[in-house]
């Protein structure tokens, strides 16, 4: 008993396999395009949010400098035995402690941030799992 495969059957199988590979390639290209679009959108939104944030930081920095200087002068005035440099040191120390606290807080918050686009990564993982199964 010999099994003879007809030429039409071979061409249909190879055509089917070729179609599957072409679909997989197209799906991969679409996933990469989605990945690029997601990253571009995230970068654009981040830049839009950072511009007013940075402007606010500069304005607040100037305000804190002026207020800190004013508080140092007030401390020197209120406590006549305290020299001006003592008032400046006290205010500077308090601002330094606040800054350290903010840095530690932001470090903790940033440790939970995932910079990769989640939707694209999930789709890519599914495609890789599908490819490894076939």
C-alpha atoms as a PDB file:
ATOM      1  CA  UNK A   1       0.000   0.000   0.000  1.00  0.00           C
ATOM      2  CA  UNK A   2       1.593   3.170  -1.091  1.00  0.00           C
ATOM      3  CA  UNK A   3       0.422   6.578  -0.185  1.00  0.00           C
ATOM      4  CA  UNK A   4       0.525   8.932  -3.024  1.00  0.00           C
ATOM      5  CA  UNK A   5      -0.011  12.611  -2.424  1.00  0.00           C
ATOM      6  CA  UNK A   6      -1.516  14.482  -5.292  1.00  0.00           C
ATOM      7  CA  UNK A   7       0.306  17.572  -6.518  1.00  0.00           C
ATOM      8  CA  UNK A   8      -2.806  19.685  -5.868  1.00  0.00           C
ATOM      9  CA  UNK A   9      -2.701  18.653  -2.222  1.00  0.00           C
ATOM     10  CA  UNK A  10       0.950  19.725  -1.882  1.00  0.00           C
ATOM     11  CA  UNK A  11       0.294  23.098  -3.447  1.00  0.00           C
ATOM     12  CA  UNK A  12      -2.737  23.643  -1.221  1.00  0.00           C
ATOM     13  CA  UNK A  13      -0.742  22.820   1.923  1.00  0.00           C
ATOM     14  CA  UNK A  14       2.191  25.000   0.893  1.00  0.00           C
ATOM     15  CA  UNK A  15      -0.245  27.773  -0.034  1.00  0.00           C
ATOM     16  CA  UNK A  16      -1.927  27.423   3.351  1.00  0.00           C
ATOM     17  CA  UNK A  17       1.400  27.485   5.215  1.00  0.00           C
ATOM     18  CA  UNK A  18       2.522  30.461   3.140  1.00  0.00           C
ATOM     19  CA  UNK A  19      -0.718  32.265   3.972  1.00  0.00           C
ATOM     20  CA  UNK A  20      -0.283  31.562   7.677  1.00  0.00           C
ATOM     21  CA  UNK A  21       3.289  32.845   7.616  1.00  0.00           C
ATOM     22  CA  UNK A  22       2.196  35.947   5.703  1.00  0.00           C
ATOM     23  CA  UNK A  23      -0.577  36.581   8.262  1.00  0.00           C
ATOM     24  CA  UNK A  24       1.886  36.120  11.138  1.00  0.00           C
ATOM     25  CA  UNK A  25       4.290  38.578   9.514  1.00  0.00           C
ATOM     26  CA  UNK A  26       1.487  41.094   8.983  1.00  0.00           C
ATOM     27  CA  UNK A  27       0.356  40.671  12.597  1.00  0.00           C
ATOM     28  CA  UNK A  28       3.899  41.231  13.836  1.00  0.00           C
ATOM     29  CA  UNK A  29       4.219  44.402  11.721  1.00  0.00           C
ATOM     30  CA  UNK A  30       0.894  45.657  13.092  1.00  0.00           C
ATOM     31  CA  UNK A  31       2.036  44.954  16.665  1.00  0.00           C
ATOM     32  CA  UNK A  32       5.261  46.893  16.091  1.00  0.00           C
ATOM     33  CA  UNK A  33       3.290  49.789  14.577  1.00  0.00           C
ATOM     34  CA  UNK A  34       0.968  49.824  17.596  1.00  0.00           C
ATOM     35  CA  UNK A  35       4.015  49.738  19.860  1.00  0.00           C
ATOM     36  CA  UNK A  36       5.518  52.772  18.067  1.00  0.00           C
ATOM     37  CA  UNK A  37       2.257  54.735  18.139  1.00  0.00           C
ATOM     38  CA  UNK A  38       1.788  54.017  21.842  1.00  0.00           C
ATOM     39  CA  UNK A  39       5.302  55.168  22.669  1.00  0.00           C
ATOM     40  CA  UNK A  40       4.928  58.350  20.570  1.00  0.00           C
ATOM     41  CA  UNK A  41       1.619  59.168  22.273  1.00  0.00           C
ATOM     42  CA  UNK A  42       3.095  58.558  25.723  1.00  0.00           C
ATOM     43  CA  UNK A  43       6.101  60.769  24.970  1.00  0.00           C
ATOM     44  CA  UNK A  44       3.869  63.519  23.560  1.00  0.00           C
ATOM     45  CA  UNK A  45       1.587  63.459  26.626  1.00  0.00           C
ATOM     46  CA  UNK A  46       4.583  63.441  28.952  1.00  0.00           C
ATOM     47  CA  UNK A  47       6.140  66.467  27.256  1.00  0.00           C
ATOM     48  CA  UNK A  48       2.812  68.320  27.332  1.00  0.00           C
ATOM     49  CA  UNK A  49       2.539  67.666  31.060  1.00  0.00           C
ATOM     50  CA  UNK A  50       6.178  68.490  31.823  1.00  0.00           C
ATOM     51  CA  UNK A  51       6.196  71.995  30.310  1.00  0.00           C
ATOM     52  CA  UNK A  52       3.803  73.590  32.837  1.00  0.00           C
ATOM     53  CA  UNK A  53       5.293  71.426  35.574  1.00  0.00           C
ATOM     54  CA  UNK A  54       8.790  72.757  34.922  1.00  0.00           C
ATOM     55  CA  UNK A  55       7.519  76.341  34.702  1.00  0.00           C
ATOM     56  CA  UNK A  56       5.746  75.858  38.031  1.00  0.00           C
ATOM     57  CA  UNK A  57       8.891  74.417  39.592  1.00  0.00           C
ATOM     58  CA  UNK A  58      10.933  77.445  38.500  1.00  0.00           C
ATOM     59  CA  UNK A  59       8.346  79.902  39.860  1.00  0.00           C
ATOM     60  CA  UNK A  60       8.050  77.981  43.133  1.00  0.00           C
ATOM     61  CA  UNK A  61      11.821  77.799  43.451  1.00  0.00           C
ATOM     62  CA  UNK A  62      12.112  81.578  43.224  1.00  0.00           C
ATOM     63  CA  UNK A  63       9.234  81.994  45.687  1.00  0.00           C
ATOM     64  CA  UNK A  64      10.809  79.580  48.171  1.00  0.00           C
ATOM     65  CA  UNK A  65      14.134  81.432  47.953  1.00  0.00           C
ATOM     66  CA  UNK A  66      12.461  84.768  48.683  1.00  0.00           C
ATOM     67  CA  UNK A  67      10.309  83.356  51.496  1.00  0.00           C
ATOM     68  CA  UNK A  68      13.227  81.480  53.026  1.00  0.00           C
ATOM     69  CA  UNK A  69      15.308  84.606  53.047  1.00  0.00           C
ATOM     70  CA  UNK A  70      12.415  86.508  54.621  1.00  0.00           C
ATOM     71  CA  UNK A  71      11.944  83.836  57.320  1.00  0.00           C
ATOM     72  CA  UNK A  72      15.673  83.897  58.101  1.00  0.00           C
ATOM     73  CA  UNK A  73      15.547  87.675  58.550  1.00  0.00           C
ATOM     74  CA  UNK A  74      12.409  87.334  60.671  1.00  0.00           C
ATOM     75  CA  UNK A  75      14.130  84.790  62.942  1.00  0.00           C
ATOM     76  CA  UNK A  76      17.099  87.148  63.359  1.00  0.00           C
ATOM     77  CA  UNK A  77      14.750  90.007  64.199  1.00  0.00           C
ATOM     78  CA  UNK A  78      12.534  87.961  66.556  1.00  0.00           C
ATOM     79  CA  UNK A  79      15.511  86.428  68.394  1.00  0.00           C
ATOM     80  CA  UNK A  80      17.985  89.309  68.693  1.00  0.00           C
ATOM     81  CA  UNK A  81      20.765  87.037  69.968  1.00  0.00           C
ATOM     82  CA  UNK A  82      20.527  84.880  66.797  1.00  0.00           C
ATOM     83  CA  UNK A  83      22.850  86.115  64.065  1.00  0.00           C
ATOM     84  CA  UNK A  84      21.560  86.326  60.486  1.00  0.00           C
ATOM     85  CA  UNK A  85      23.671  83.370  59.417  1.00  0.00           C
ATOM     86  CA  UNK A  86      22.001  81.300  62.169  1.00  0.00           C
ATOM     87  CA  UNK A  87      18.544  82.141  60.818  1.00  0.00           C
ATOM     88  CA  UNK A  88      19.687  81.295  57.309  1.00  0.00           C
ATOM     89  CA  UNK A  89      21.124  77.983  58.529  1.00  0.00           C
ATOM     90  CA  UNK A  90      17.916  77.035  60.325  1.00  0.00           C
ATOM     91  CA  UNK A  91      15.738  77.820  57.299  1.00  0.00           C
ATOM     92  CA  UNK A  92      18.188  76.092  54.939  1.00  0.00           C
ATOM     93  CA  UNK A  93      18.231  72.979  57.122  1.00  0.00           C
ATOM     94  CA  UNK A  94      14.433  72.758  57.186  1.00  0.00           C
ATOM     95  CA  UNK A  95      14.245  73.186  53.384  1.00  0.00           C
ATOM     96  CA  UNK A  96      16.965  70.555  52.978  1.00  0.00           C
ATOM     97  CA  UNK A  97      14.994  68.041  55.066  1.00  0.00           C
ATOM     98  CA  UNK A  98      11.836  68.729  53.045  1.00  0.00           C
ATOM     99  CA  UNK A  99      13.807  68.214  49.823  1.00  0.00           C
ATOM    100  CA  UNK A 100      15.240  64.899  51.021  1.00  0.00           C
ATOM    101  CA  UNK A 101      11.752  63.734  51.976  1.00  0.00           C
ATOM    102  CA  UNK A 102      10.417  64.658  48.533  1.00  0.00           C
ATOM    103  CA  UNK A 103      13.295  62.849  46.802  1.00  0.00           C
ATOM    104  CA  UNK A 104      12.664  59.691  48.815  1.00  0.00           C
ATOM    105  CA  UNK A 105       8.939  59.900  48.089  1.00  0.00           C
ATOM    106  CA  UNK A 106       9.509  60.296  44.331  1.00  0.00           C
ATOM    107  CA  UNK A 107      12.019  57.436  44.310  1.00  0.00           C
ATOM    108  CA  UNK A 108       9.429  55.196  45.913  1.00  0.00           C
ATOM    109  CA  UNK A 109       6.738  56.323  43.452  1.00  0.00           C
ATOM    110  CA  UNK A 110       9.006  55.831  40.418  1.00  0.00           C
ATOM    111  CA  UNK A 111       9.949  52.311  41.465  1.00  0.00           C
ATOM    112  CA  UNK A 112       6.394  51.225  40.582  1.00  0.00           C
ATOM    113  CA  UNK A 113       6.386  52.773  37.095  1.00  0.00           C
ATOM    114  CA  UNK A 114       6.562  50.532  34.035  1.00  0.00           C
ATOM    115  CA  UNK A 115       7.832  52.528  31.013  1.00  0.00           C
ATOM    116  CA  UNK A 116       6.775  49.895  28.458  1.00  0.00           C
ATOM    117  CA  UNK A 117       3.400  50.152  26.695  1.00  0.00           C
ATOM    118  CA  UNK A 118       1.266  47.487  28.307  1.00  0.00           C
ATOM    119  CA  UNK A 119      -1.209  46.823  25.477  1.00  0.00           C
ATOM    120  CA  UNK A 120       1.482  46.293  22.877  1.00  0.00           C
ATOM    121  CA  UNK A 121       3.534  44.096  25.182  1.00  0.00           C
ATOM    122  CA  UNK A 122       0.519  41.897  25.979  1.00  0.00           C
ATOM    123  CA  UNK A 123      -0.276  41.503  22.282  1.00  0.00           C
ATOM    124  CA  UNK A 124       3.350  40.707  21.520  1.00  0.00           C
ATOM    125  CA  UNK A 125       3.451  38.094  24.290  1.00  0.00           C
ATOM    126  CA  UNK A 126       0.310  36.455  22.905  1.00  0.00           C
ATOM    127  CA  UNK A 127       1.805  36.373  19.407  1.00  0.00           C
ATOM    128  CA  UNK A 128       5.045  34.847  20.661  1.00  0.00           C
ATOM    129  CA  UNK A 129       3.139  32.199  22.621  1.00  0.00           C
ATOM    130  CA  UNK A 130       1.043  31.418  19.547  1.00  0.00           C
ATOM    131  CA  UNK A 131       4.181  31.185  17.387  1.00  0.00           C
ATOM    132  CA  UNK A 132       5.920  28.816  19.808  1.00  0.00           C
ATOM    133  CA  UNK A 133       2.881  26.524  19.925  1.00  0.00           C
ATOM    134  CA  UNK A 134       2.736  26.142  16.124  1.00  0.00           C
END
